[in-house]
Amino acid sequence: MAPIKFGILGCADIARKYSRAITLSPNSTLHAVGSRTYEKAAKFAADNGFPASAKIYGSYEALLDDPEVDVVYVPLPTSLHIKWAVLAAQKKKHLLLEKPVALNVGELDVILEACESSGVQFMDATMWVHHPRTAKMKEFLSDASNFGQLKAVQSCFTFAAKKAFLENDIRVKPDLDALGALGDAGWYCARSILWAADFELPKTVLALRGTVFNSAGVITCCSASLHWEDGKKATFICSFHANLTMDVTIVGTNGTLKLHDFVIPFEESKASFSTAVKSGFTELVTGWDPKPSEHTVTTDLPQEALLVTELSRLVGSIKSDGAKPEKKWPTFSRKTQLVLDAVKTSIEKGYEIVEISS
């Protein structure tokens, strides 16, 4: 099968990482890049290893009008997603959309409706779920004997942003990425919690007091708790003001899973997690018995290239075999967005409990 042809809409920093991922993936190719000026697009292509045959476009519209583009990757500011993602879908382009996928679930539903109407695949750019470690961890969480029933999840994604970021990055601008740290780091936390809960939505969400806003009113730090009807609970914290931390702890009746680099592994070629099963103390309570064990999973391709490979496989099946788009990916995105919406609503209502309705 011919490689799936990707077009990149815009020259954001994260698009450099995806340019490399598309190049590394065995079933995709960099076909085009479009920016608001031809010069910017040409420089991006030259700096990021685009093949000589790649098309350079001086507008987003021109790239979307290219009949050879199969998939459009959209790393634009969140406020622009609804316009350009919908237009891409209407032009029959499959869609890889950077997170957060929308400012709210209402906008996302418009995007997903356009994708469904055009029969195109939608996937968000959450990379870690495509790492082979993630499947290995799910095996443990699904083991009734070793893990048992899910009881609690704690997720934390923080990084200490520099002054230039806190003043100038799109993620702190209300007209570009109004969800701030909640939409950026919080997206990953919410996704990790939902993943652990097999994407069962919580019944209620409560933002915790102490949300930090910048002078423009954009969230730069927040936290929340999630509650399910069966009694399981989760908490998360996301922040632009604390040391780089990417921790998840998942606790069951029989076992515990921990990892310390869930968003981006410490190393590209391998990633680890630890499990503890039926933990207890030594006789004099001077240590643990049994001790937690470490598990390492290797990979030939980085997680973002594995994402591209999977998306290209799905698109190839749609093109060649008449397959239908895989519905789980838009479903996962929508549930993640619903959690973010509920946290934001709780904050806006003075930290009230918010019920989630799908």
Protein backbone atom coordinates (compact mmCIF):
# COMPACT_ATOMS: atom_id res chain seq x y z
CA MET A 1 0.00 0.00 0.00
CA ALA A 2 1.26 3.50 -0.83
CA PRO A 3 2.27 5.58 2.20
CA ILE A 4 -0.43 7.82 3.69
CA LYS A 5 0.27 11.45 2.78
CA PHE A 6 0.28 13.98 5.63
CA GLY A 7 -0.16 17.71 5.38
CA ILE A 8 0.77 19.90 8.34
CA LEU A 9 -1.36 22.98 8.96
CA GLY A 10 0.86 25.59 10.61
CA CYS A 11 4.43 25.65 11.89
CA ALA A 12 4.01 25.29 15.66
CA ASP A 13 6.91 23.92 17.69
CA ILE A 14 5.09 20.62 18.32
CA ALA A 15 4.78 20.19 14.53
CA ARG A 16 8.57 19.65 14.43
CA LYS A 17 8.12 16.54 16.58
CA TYR A 18 5.32 15.25 14.35
CA SER A 19 7.32 15.94 11.19
CA ARG A 20 9.96 13.57 12.55
CA ALA A 21 7.28 11.07 13.61
CA ILE A 22 5.72 11.03 10.13
CA THR A 23 9.18 10.48 8.63
CA LEU A 24 9.95 7.61 11.05
CA SER A 25 6.60 5.88 10.58
CA PRO A 26 6.80 3.08 7.98
CA ASN A 27 3.41 3.80 6.36
CA SER A 28 3.32 7.60 6.13
CA THR A 29 5.07 10.42 4.31
CA LEU A 30 5.43 14.19 4.66
CA HIS A 31 3.54 15.51 1.66
CA ALA A 32 2.86 19.20 2.40
CA VAL A 33 3.04 22.04 4.90
CA GLY A 34 0.93 25.18 4.90
CA SER A 35 1.46 28.40 6.79
CA ARG A 36 0.13 31.96 6.61
CA THR A 37 3.17 32.87 4.50
CA TYR A 38 5.01 30.83 1.88
CA GLU A 39 8.37 31.84 3.37
CA LYS A 40 7.51 30.47 6.81
CA ALA A 41 6.24 27.19 5.35
CA ALA A 42 9.34 26.82 3.16
CA LYS A 43 11.68 27.41 6.11
CA PHE A 44 9.77 24.90 8.24
CA ALA A 45 10.03 22.25 5.50
CA ALA A 46 13.76 22.92 5.04
CA ASP A 47 14.44 22.76 8.79
CA ASN A 48 12.46 19.58 9.38
CA GLY A 49 13.61 17.14 6.75
CA PHE A 50 10.70 17.34 4.32
CA PRO A 51 11.43 15.47 1.07
CA ALA A 52 12.26 17.56 -2.01
CA SER A 53 8.91 16.54 -3.50
CA ALA A 54 6.92 18.06 -0.60
CA LYS A 55 4.45 20.83 -1.43
CA ILE A 56 4.85 24.23 0.22
CA TYR A 57 1.74 26.36 0.64
CA GLY A 58 1.43 30.00 1.68
CA SER A 59 -2.04 29.53 3.14
CA TYR A 60 -3.99 26.95 5.11
CA GLU A 61 -6.71 26.89 2.44
CA ALA A 62 -4.24 25.93 -0.29
CA LEU A 63 -3.06 22.89 1.67
CA LEU A 64 -6.63 21.75 2.29
CA ASP A 65 -7.33 22.08 -1.45
CA ASP A 66 -4.47 19.69 -2.31
CA PRO A 67 -6.28 16.52 -3.51
CA GLU A 68 -3.30 14.31 -2.62
CA VAL A 69 -3.32 15.10 1.12
CA ASP A 70 -4.84 12.17 3.04
CA VAL A 71 -4.41 13.37 6.63
CA VAL A 72 -4.17 16.90 8.00
CA TYR A 73 -2.31 17.44 11.26
CA VAL A 74 -3.64 20.55 13.03
CA PRO A 75 -1.31 21.98 15.71
CA LEU A 76 -2.97 25.42 15.64
CA PRO A 77 -4.13 27.27 18.78
CA THR A 78 -7.26 25.69 20.27
CA SER A 79 -9.48 28.67 19.39
CA LEU A 80 -8.77 28.00 15.68
CA HIS A 81 -9.57 24.28 15.79
CA ILE A 82 -13.28 24.54 15.10
CA LYS A 83 -12.75 26.53 11.88
CA TRP A 84 -9.87 24.59 10.37
CA ALA A 85 -10.71 21.09 11.63
CA VAL A 86 -14.26 21.39 10.28
CA LEU A 87 -12.98 22.72 6.95
CA ALA A 88 -10.43 19.89 6.72
CA ALA A 89 -13.15 17.30 7.37
CA GLN A 90 -15.44 18.92 4.80
CA LYS A 91 -12.58 18.61 2.27
CA LYS A 92 -12.52 14.83 3.07
CA LYS A 93 -9.22 15.00 4.96
CA HIS A 94 -8.65 12.63 7.86
CA LEU A 95 -7.81 14.56 11.00
CA LEU A 96 -5.03 14.45 13.57
CA LEU A 97 -5.94 17.22 15.99
CA GLU A 98 -3.63 18.59 18.66
CA LYS A 99 -4.91 18.62 22.23
CA PRO A 100 -6.89 20.13 23.78
CA VAL A 101 -9.09 19.36 20.80
CA ALA A 102 -11.56 22.20 21.44
CA LEU A 103 -12.47 24.94 23.90
CA ASN A 104 -15.53 22.93 25.00
CA VAL A 105 -17.51 19.82 24.09
CA GLY A 106 -19.98 21.86 22.04
CA GLU A 107 -17.19 22.89 19.66
CA LEU A 108 -15.81 19.35 19.59
CA ASP A 109 -19.23 17.97 18.65
CA VAL A 110 -19.30 20.27 15.62
CA ILE A 111 -15.86 18.93 14.58
CA LEU A 112 -16.86 15.30 15.14
CA GLU A 113 -20.11 15.77 13.25
CA ALA A 114 -18.14 17.10 10.27
CA CYS A 115 -15.82 14.08 10.43
CA GLU A 116 -18.73 11.67 10.61
CA SER A 117 -20.55 13.35 7.70
CA SER A 118 -17.44 13.07 5.54
CA GLY A 119 -16.53 9.54 6.66
CA VAL A 120 -13.05 10.58 7.83
CA GLN A 121 -11.00 9.28 10.74
CA PHE A 122 -10.53 11.53 13.78
CA MET A 123 -7.70 11.10 16.28
CA ASP A 124 -6.28 13.44 18.89
CA ALA A 125 -2.55 13.82 19.39
CA THR A 126 -2.25 12.15 22.81
CA MET A 127 0.93 10.17 22.23
CA TRP A 128 1.43 8.09 25.37
CA VAL A 129 -1.61 5.88 24.79
CA HIS A 130 0.14 4.47 21.69
CA HIS A 131 3.31 3.40 23.55
CA PRO A 132 3.55 -0.40 24.01
CA ARG A 133 4.01 0.23 27.74
CA THR A 134 0.39 1.41 27.85
CA ALA A 135 -0.93 -1.93 26.57
CA LYS A 136 1.32 -3.78 29.04
CA MET A 137 0.01 -1.69 31.93
CA LYS A 138 -3.57 -2.38 30.87
CA GLU A 139 -2.84 -6.11 31.10
CA PHE A 140 -1.97 -5.64 34.77
CA LEU A 141 -5.01 -3.45 35.48
CA SER A 142 -7.25 -6.08 33.84
CA ASP A 143 -5.87 -8.89 36.03
CA ALA A 144 -8.57 -9.57 38.62
CA SER A 145 -6.21 -11.56 40.83
CA ASN A 146 -3.19 -9.24 40.84
CA PHE A 147 -4.88 -5.85 40.59
CA GLY A 148 -8.50 -6.44 41.54
CA GLN A 149 -11.10 -3.69 41.43
CA LEU A 150 -10.08 -0.10 40.70
CA LYS A 151 -10.37 2.11 43.78
CA ALA A 152 -8.34 5.28 43.19
CA VAL A 153 -6.20 7.16 40.66
CA GLN A 154 -3.84 10.07 41.23
CA SER A 155 -2.41 11.92 38.23
CA CYS A 156 0.01 14.83 38.15
CA PHE A 157 1.50 16.74 35.24
CA THR A 158 3.43 19.88 36.12
CA PHE A 159 6.35 21.81 34.68
CA ALA A 160 8.13 24.97 35.74
CA ALA A 161 7.51 27.33 32.82
CA LYS A 162 10.02 30.10 32.23
CA LYS A 163 9.10 33.79 32.28
CA ALA A 164 8.96 33.99 28.47
CA PHE A 165 6.45 31.11 28.35
CA LEU A 166 4.26 32.60 31.08
CA GLU A 167 4.17 35.93 29.22
CA ASN A 168 4.11 34.94 25.55
CA ASP A 169 3.15 31.30 24.93
CA ILE A 170 -0.20 30.68 23.21
CA ARG A 171 -1.17 28.51 26.20
CA VAL A 172 -1.47 31.60 28.42
CA LYS A 173 -3.41 33.75 25.93
CA PRO A 174 -7.21 33.95 26.43
CA ASP A 175 -7.90 34.46 22.71
CA LEU A 176 -5.74 31.50 21.60
CA ASP A 177 -5.76 28.75 24.26
CA ALA A 178 -8.22 29.89 26.89
CA LEU A 179 -8.06 26.61 28.87
CA GLY A 180 -4.43 27.26 29.83
CA ALA A 181 -2.84 24.61 32.06
CA LEU A 182 -6.16 22.75 32.32
CA GLY A 183 -6.29 22.23 28.55
CA ASP A 184 -2.59 21.56 28.16
CA ALA A 185 -1.32 19.51 31.12
CA GLY A 186 -4.78 18.77 32.52
CA TRP A 187 -5.78 17.02 29.29
CA TYR A 188 -3.16 14.34 29.95
CA CYS A 189 -4.24 13.92 33.58
CA ALA A 190 -7.90 13.53 32.66
CA ARG A 191 -7.03 11.06 29.90
CA SER A 192 -4.89 8.95 32.23
CA ILE A 193 -7.71 8.76 34.78
CA LEU A 194 -10.32 7.82 32.18
CA TRP A 195 -7.94 5.25 30.68
CA ALA A 196 -7.50 3.63 34.09
CA ALA A 197 -11.29 3.56 34.52
CA ASP A 198 -11.83 1.95 31.09
CA PHE A 199 -13.32 5.29 29.96
CA GLU A 200 -16.25 5.11 32.34
CA LEU A 201 -17.15 8.75 32.97
CA PRO A 202 -17.26 9.89 36.60
CA LYS A 203 -20.61 10.88 38.05
CA THR A 204 -19.34 14.15 39.51
CA VAL A 205 -16.32 16.45 39.28
CA LEU A 206 -15.19 18.98 41.87
CA ALA A 207 -12.43 21.50 41.22
CA LEU A 208 -10.28 22.01 44.30
CA ARG A 209 -9.71 25.48 45.70
CA GLY A 210 -6.53 27.38 44.95
CA THR A 211 -6.73 27.70 41.16
CA VAL A 212 -4.05 30.07 39.89
CA PHE A 213 -4.88 32.52 37.07
CA ASN A 214 -2.60 34.84 35.16
CA SER A 215 -3.37 38.54 34.72
CA ALA A 216 -5.46 37.74 31.62
CA GLY A 217 -7.62 35.28 33.56
CA VAL A 218 -6.13 32.08 32.07
CA ILE A 219 -5.61 29.07 34.39
CA THR A 220 -1.94 28.34 35.07
CA CYS A 221 -2.49 25.80 37.88
CA CYS A 222 -5.53 23.82 39.03
CA SER A 223 -6.59 20.55 40.58
CA ALA A 224 -9.76 18.49 40.79
CA SER A 225 -11.36 15.36 42.21
CA LEU A 226 -13.54 12.92 40.28
CA HIS A 227 -16.11 10.58 41.83
CA TRP A 228 -17.92 7.51 40.46
CA GLU A 229 -21.18 6.00 41.67
CA ASP A 230 -19.44 2.75 42.67
CA GLY A 231 -17.15 4.64 45.06
CA LYS A 232 -13.93 4.90 43.09
CA LYS A 233 -12.20 8.28 43.15
CA ALA A 234 -9.49 10.18 41.31
CA THR A 235 -7.58 13.40 41.79
CA PHE A 236 -5.29 15.36 39.51
CA ILE A 237 -3.12 18.45 39.58
CA CYS A 238 -1.77 20.33 36.56
CA SER A 239 0.48 23.36 36.72
CA PHE A 240 2.89 25.63 34.86
CA HIS A 241 4.55 26.55 38.20
CA ALA A 242 6.12 23.35 39.59
CA ASN A 243 9.01 21.06 38.71
CA LEU A 244 8.55 18.67 35.76
CA THR A 245 6.49 15.77 37.09
CA MET A 246 4.46 13.21 35.13
CA ASP A 247 3.22 10.76 37.76
CA VAL A 248 0.29 8.38 37.79
CA THR A 249 -0.65 6.06 40.65
CA ILE A 250 -3.49 3.57 40.15
CA VAL A 251 -4.72 1.65 43.19
CA GLY A 252 -6.85 -1.50 43.18
CA THR A 253 -8.12 -3.84 45.86
CA ASN A 254 -5.16 -6.20 45.32
CA GLY A 255 -2.51 -4.20 43.48
CA THR A 256 -0.97 -0.81 42.71
CA LEU A 257 0.58 0.52 39.50
CA LYS A 258 2.92 3.53 39.41
CA LEU A 259 4.79 5.37 36.68
CA HIS A 260 6.79 8.57 36.73
CA ASP A 261 6.98 9.61 33.07
CA PHE A 262 3.55 8.87 31.63
CA VAL A 263 3.34 11.76 29.15
CA ILE A 264 6.87 11.54 27.72
CA PRO A 265 9.07 8.60 28.78
CA PHE A 266 12.48 9.34 30.30
CA GLU A 267 14.00 7.53 27.30
CA GLU A 268 12.65 7.20 23.78
CA SER A 269 13.46 3.52 23.27
CA LYS A 270 12.17 2.10 26.56
CA ALA A 271 9.77 2.90 29.37
CA SER A 272 9.10 1.43 32.79
CA PHE A 273 6.37 1.09 35.39
CA SER A 274 6.18 -0.57 38.78
CA THR A 275 3.56 -2.87 40.24
CA ALA A 276 2.89 -3.99 43.78
CA VAL A 277 0.65 -7.00 44.47
CA LYS A 278 -0.99 -7.87 47.78
CA SER A 279 1.51 -5.67 49.59
CA GLY A 280 2.15 -6.01 53.28
CA PHE A 281 4.77 -5.41 55.94
CA THR A 282 7.57 -7.54 57.28
CA GLU A 283 7.02 -9.10 60.71
CA LEU A 284 8.42 -6.13 62.67
CA VAL A 285 6.95 -3.59 60.23
CA THR A 286 10.44 -2.54 59.13
CA GLY A 287 9.85 -2.95 55.41
CA TRP A 288 7.54 -4.22 52.69
CA ASP A 289 6.84 -7.82 51.77
CA PRO A 290 6.53 -8.44 48.90
CA LYS A 291 8.38 -5.48 47.40
CA PRO A 292 7.09 -3.73 44.24
CA SER A 293 8.52 -4.97 40.94
CA GLU A 294 9.78 -2.94 37.98
CA HIS A 295 8.73 -3.68 34.40
CA THR A 296 10.46 -2.27 31.31
CA VAL A 297 8.97 -2.18 27.81
CA THR A 298 11.14 -1.45 24.76
CA THR A 299 10.04 0.06 21.47
CA ASP A 300 11.68 0.47 18.05
CA LEU A 301 9.70 3.64 17.32
CA PRO A 302 8.94 6.62 19.57
CA GLN A 303 5.34 6.86 20.77
CA GLU A 304 4.43 9.72 18.42
CA ALA A 305 5.59 7.65 15.43
CA LEU A 306 3.48 4.74 16.70
CA LEU A 307 0.49 7.10 16.84
CA VAL A 308 1.14 8.13 13.23
CA THR A 309 1.55 4.47 12.22
CA GLU A 310 -1.79 3.51 13.77
CA LEU A 311 -3.62 6.48 12.24
CA SER A 312 -2.09 5.70 8.85
CA ARG A 313 -3.19 2.06 9.17
CA LEU A 314 -6.78 3.16 9.88
CA VAL A 315 -6.77 5.65 6.99
CA GLY A 316 -5.27 3.04 4.66
CA SER A 317 -8.06 0.60 5.55
CA ILE A 318 -10.68 3.26 4.85
CA LYS A 319 -9.08 4.12 1.49
CA SER A 320 -8.30 0.61 0.27
CA ASP A 321 -10.85 -1.64 1.94
CA GLY A 322 -13.83 0.65 2.45
CA ALA A 323 -13.51 0.28 6.23
CA LYS A 324 -15.42 2.62 8.54
CA PRO A 325 -13.55 5.10 10.76
CA GLU A 326 -12.60 3.70 14.18
CA LYS A 327 -15.06 5.26 16.64
CA LYS A 328 -13.11 4.73 19.85
CA TRP A 329 -10.71 7.61 19.15
CA PRO A 330 -13.33 10.39 18.91
CA THR A 331 -15.13 8.81 21.89
CA PHE A 332 -11.98 8.98 24.03
CA SER A 333 -11.43 12.62 23.00
CA ARG A 334 -15.01 13.59 23.79
CA LYS A 335 -14.96 12.02 27.25
CA THR A 336 -11.67 13.78 28.05
CA GLN A 337 -13.17 17.09 26.94
CA LEU A 338 -16.26 16.48 29.11
CA VAL A 339 -14.05 16.14 32.19
CA LEU A 340 -12.17 19.36 31.39
CA ASP A 341 -15.46 21.17 30.82
CA ALA A 342 -16.73 19.99 34.21
CA VAL A 343 -13.56 21.15 36.01
CA LYS A 344 -13.79 24.57 34.34
CA THR A 345 -17.49 24.86 35.24
CA SER A 346 -16.75 23.92 38.86
CA ILE A 347 -14.09 26.63 39.08
CA GLU A 348 -16.40 29.22 37.51
CA LYS A 349 -19.21 28.33 39.92
CA GLY A 350 -17.04 28.84 42.98
CA TYR A 351 -15.95 25.21 43.34
CA GLU A 352 -19.36 23.61 43.16
CA ILE A 353 -19.81 19.90 42.48
CA VAL A 354 -20.64 19.40 38.77
CA GLU A 355 -22.47 16.36 37.43
CA ILE A 356 -21.20 14.97 34.13
CA SER A 357 -23.77 14.08 31.51
CA SER A 358 -22.51 12.37 28.39
